[in-house]
């Protein structure tokens, strides 16, 4: 799921919500950003539980990478929810 509101500070942002339910492998998410030229990642909070610590979920920031050839391909860790925020550079 994705949203494209204008932020309270007037910033033009795109937010992508993604879940990886695979219990053993990272999943690469491929975001085609051709319809959003000039957008770059500004945040990627992520949360992961483990079987040993099922209540450990907490958001933390990770390096999402950068947009190359209008594509962003972050890796989503096993059993995680992800919020990827992008903002127009202009």
C-alpha atoms as a PDB file:
ATOM      1  CA  UNK A   1       0.000   0.000   0.000  1.00  0.00           C
ATOM      2  CA  UNK A   2       1.223   3.520  -0.700  1.00  0.00           C
ATOM      3  CA  UNK A   3       0.069   7.037   0.112  1.00  0.00           C
ATOM      4  CA  UNK A   4       0.970  10.320  -1.558  1.00  0.00           C
ATOM      5  CA  UNK A   5      -0.179  13.217   0.660  1.00  0.00           C
ATOM      6  CA  UNK A   6       1.361  16.629   1.004  1.00  0.00           C
ATOM      7  CA  UNK A   7       2.849  16.809   4.498  1.00  0.00           C
ATOM      8  CA  UNK A   8       1.893  19.374   7.145  1.00  0.00           C
ATOM      9  CA  UNK A   9       5.128  21.215   6.387  1.00  0.00           C
ATOM     10  CA  UNK A  10       4.203  21.347   2.670  1.00  0.00           C
ATOM     11  CA  UNK A  11       6.630  18.543   1.801  1.00  0.00           C
ATOM     12  CA  UNK A  12       5.594  16.305  -1.066  1.00  0.00           C
ATOM     13  CA  UNK A  13       6.012  12.751   0.279  1.00  0.00           C
ATOM     14  CA  UNK A  14       5.345   9.218  -0.883  1.00  0.00           C
ATOM     15  CA  UNK A  15       4.981   6.548   1.814  1.00  0.00           C
ATOM     16  CA  UNK A  16       5.048   2.806   1.064  1.00  0.00           C
ATOM     17  CA  UNK A  17       3.888   0.201   3.587  1.00  0.00           C
ATOM     18  CA  UNK A  18       5.217  -3.335   2.959  1.00  0.00           C
ATOM     19  CA  UNK A  19       5.127  -6.625   4.873  1.00  0.00           C
ATOM     20  CA  UNK A  20       7.390  -9.662   4.468  1.00  0.00           C
ATOM     21  CA  UNK A  21       5.642 -12.716   5.929  1.00  0.00           C
ATOM     22  CA  UNK A  22       8.379 -15.130   4.830  1.00  0.00           C
ATOM     23  CA  UNK A  23       9.806 -16.683   7.982  1.00  0.00           C
ATOM     24  CA  UNK A  24      13.272 -17.450   6.665  1.00  0.00           C
ATOM     25  CA  UNK A  25      14.323 -15.156   3.837  1.00  0.00           C
ATOM     26  CA  UNK A  26      14.682 -11.512   2.930  1.00  0.00           C
ATOM     27  CA  UNK A  27      12.398 -10.365   0.139  1.00  0.00           C
ATOM     28  CA  UNK A  28      13.536  -7.676  -2.279  1.00  0.00           C
ATOM     29  CA  UNK A  29      10.858  -5.062  -2.900  1.00  0.00           C
ATOM     30  CA  UNK A  30      11.067  -3.393  -6.313  1.00  0.00           C
ATOM     31  CA  UNK A  31       9.553   0.093  -6.385  1.00  0.00           C
ATOM     32  CA  UNK A  32       9.182   1.579  -9.865  1.00  0.00           C
ATOM     33  CA  UNK A  33       9.316   5.335  -9.319  1.00  0.00           C
ATOM     34  CA  UNK A  34       9.013   6.543 -12.929  1.00  0.00           C
ATOM     35  CA  UNK A  35       5.750   8.317 -12.018  1.00  0.00           C
ATOM     36  CA  UNK A  36       7.576  10.089  -9.162  1.00  0.00           C
ATOM     37  CA  UNK A  37      10.750  11.586 -10.670  1.00  0.00           C
ATOM     38  CA  UNK A  38      13.052  13.312  -8.208  1.00  0.00           C
ATOM     39  CA  UNK A  39      11.924  11.352  -5.119  1.00  0.00           C
ATOM     40  CA  UNK A  40      14.528   9.932  -2.737  1.00  0.00           C
ATOM     41  CA  UNK A  41      14.296   7.922   0.501  1.00  0.00           C
ATOM     42  CA  UNK A  42      14.113   9.943   3.731  1.00  0.00           C
ATOM     43  CA  UNK A  43      13.292   7.138   6.134  1.00  0.00           C
ATOM     44  CA  UNK A  44      12.663   3.432   6.486  1.00  0.00           C
ATOM     45  CA  UNK A  45      11.546   2.444   9.977  1.00  0.00           C
ATOM     46  CA  UNK A  46      11.385  -1.327  10.278  1.00  0.00           C
ATOM     47  CA  UNK A  47      10.214  -3.805  12.899  1.00  0.00           C
ATOM     48  CA  UNK A  48      11.020  -7.504  13.261  1.00  0.00           C
ATOM     49  CA  UNK A  49       9.873 -10.146  15.749  1.00  0.00           C
ATOM     50  CA  UNK A  50      11.609 -13.443  16.379  1.00  0.00           C
ATOM     51  CA  UNK A  51      10.232 -16.711  17.662  1.00  0.00           C
ATOM     52  CA  UNK A  52      12.397 -16.375  20.786  1.00  0.00           C
ATOM     53  CA  UNK A  53      11.242 -12.772  21.329  1.00  0.00           C
ATOM     54  CA  UNK A  54       7.741 -12.453  19.836  1.00  0.00           C
ATOM     55  CA  UNK A  55       7.015  -9.128  21.571  1.00  0.00           C
ATOM     56  CA  UNK A  56      10.235  -7.408  20.565  1.00  0.00           C
ATOM     57  CA  UNK A  57       8.724  -5.416  17.699  1.00  0.00           C
ATOM     58  CA  UNK A  58      10.018  -1.883  17.669  1.00  0.00           C
ATOM     59  CA  UNK A  59      10.600   0.492  14.806  1.00  0.00           C
ATOM     60  CA  UNK A  60      14.161   1.461  13.942  1.00  0.00           C
ATOM     61  CA  UNK A  61      15.717   3.252  10.993  1.00  0.00           C
ATOM     62  CA  UNK A  62      17.728   1.408   8.350  1.00  0.00           C
ATOM     63  CA  UNK A  63      19.512   2.358   5.141  1.00  0.00           C
ATOM     64  CA  UNK A  64      17.008   1.952   2.327  1.00  0.00           C
ATOM     65  CA  UNK A  65      19.528   2.627  -0.414  1.00  0.00           C
ATOM     66  CA  UNK A  66      19.065   5.097  -3.218  1.00  0.00           C
ATOM     67  CA  UNK A  67      16.986   5.450  -6.360  1.00  0.00           C
ATOM     68  CA  UNK A  68      18.825   4.174  -9.436  1.00  0.00           C
ATOM     69  CA  UNK A  69      17.254   4.334 -12.909  1.00  0.00           C
ATOM     70  CA  UNK A  70      13.902   5.276 -11.295  1.00  0.00           C
ATOM     71  CA  UNK A  71      13.940   2.125  -9.116  1.00  0.00           C
ATOM     72  CA  UNK A  72      14.349   1.561  -5.401  1.00  0.00           C
ATOM     73  CA  UNK A  73      14.935  -2.036  -4.262  1.00  0.00           C
ATOM     74  CA  UNK A  74      15.122  -2.328  -0.470  1.00  0.00           C
ATOM     75  CA  UNK A  75      15.449  -5.782   1.114  1.00  0.00           C
ATOM     76  CA  UNK A  76      12.703  -6.618   3.600  1.00  0.00           C
ATOM     77  CA  UNK A  77      13.849  -8.938   6.418  1.00  0.00           C
ATOM     78  CA  UNK A  78      11.857 -12.041   7.362  1.00  0.00           C
ATOM     79  CA  UNK A  79       8.622 -11.491   9.306  1.00  0.00           C
ATOM     80  CA  UNK A  80       8.740  -7.688   9.218  1.00  0.00           C
ATOM     81  CA  UNK A  81       6.624  -4.660   8.506  1.00  0.00           C
ATOM     82  CA  UNK A  82       8.233  -1.724   6.753  1.00  0.00           C
ATOM     83  CA  UNK A  83       7.379   1.931   6.195  1.00  0.00           C
ATOM     84  CA  UNK A  84       9.433   3.492   3.409  1.00  0.00           C
ATOM     85  CA  UNK A  85       9.212   7.279   3.136  1.00  0.00           C
ATOM     86  CA  UNK A  86      10.320   9.168   0.040  1.00  0.00           C
ATOM     87  CA  UNK A  87      10.347  12.934  -0.463  1.00  0.00           C
ATOM     88  CA  UNK A  88      10.651  15.015  -3.591  1.00  0.00           C
ATOM     89  CA  UNK A  89      14.131  16.516  -3.745  1.00  0.00           C
ATOM     90  CA  UNK A  90      12.902  19.800  -5.191  1.00  0.00           C
END
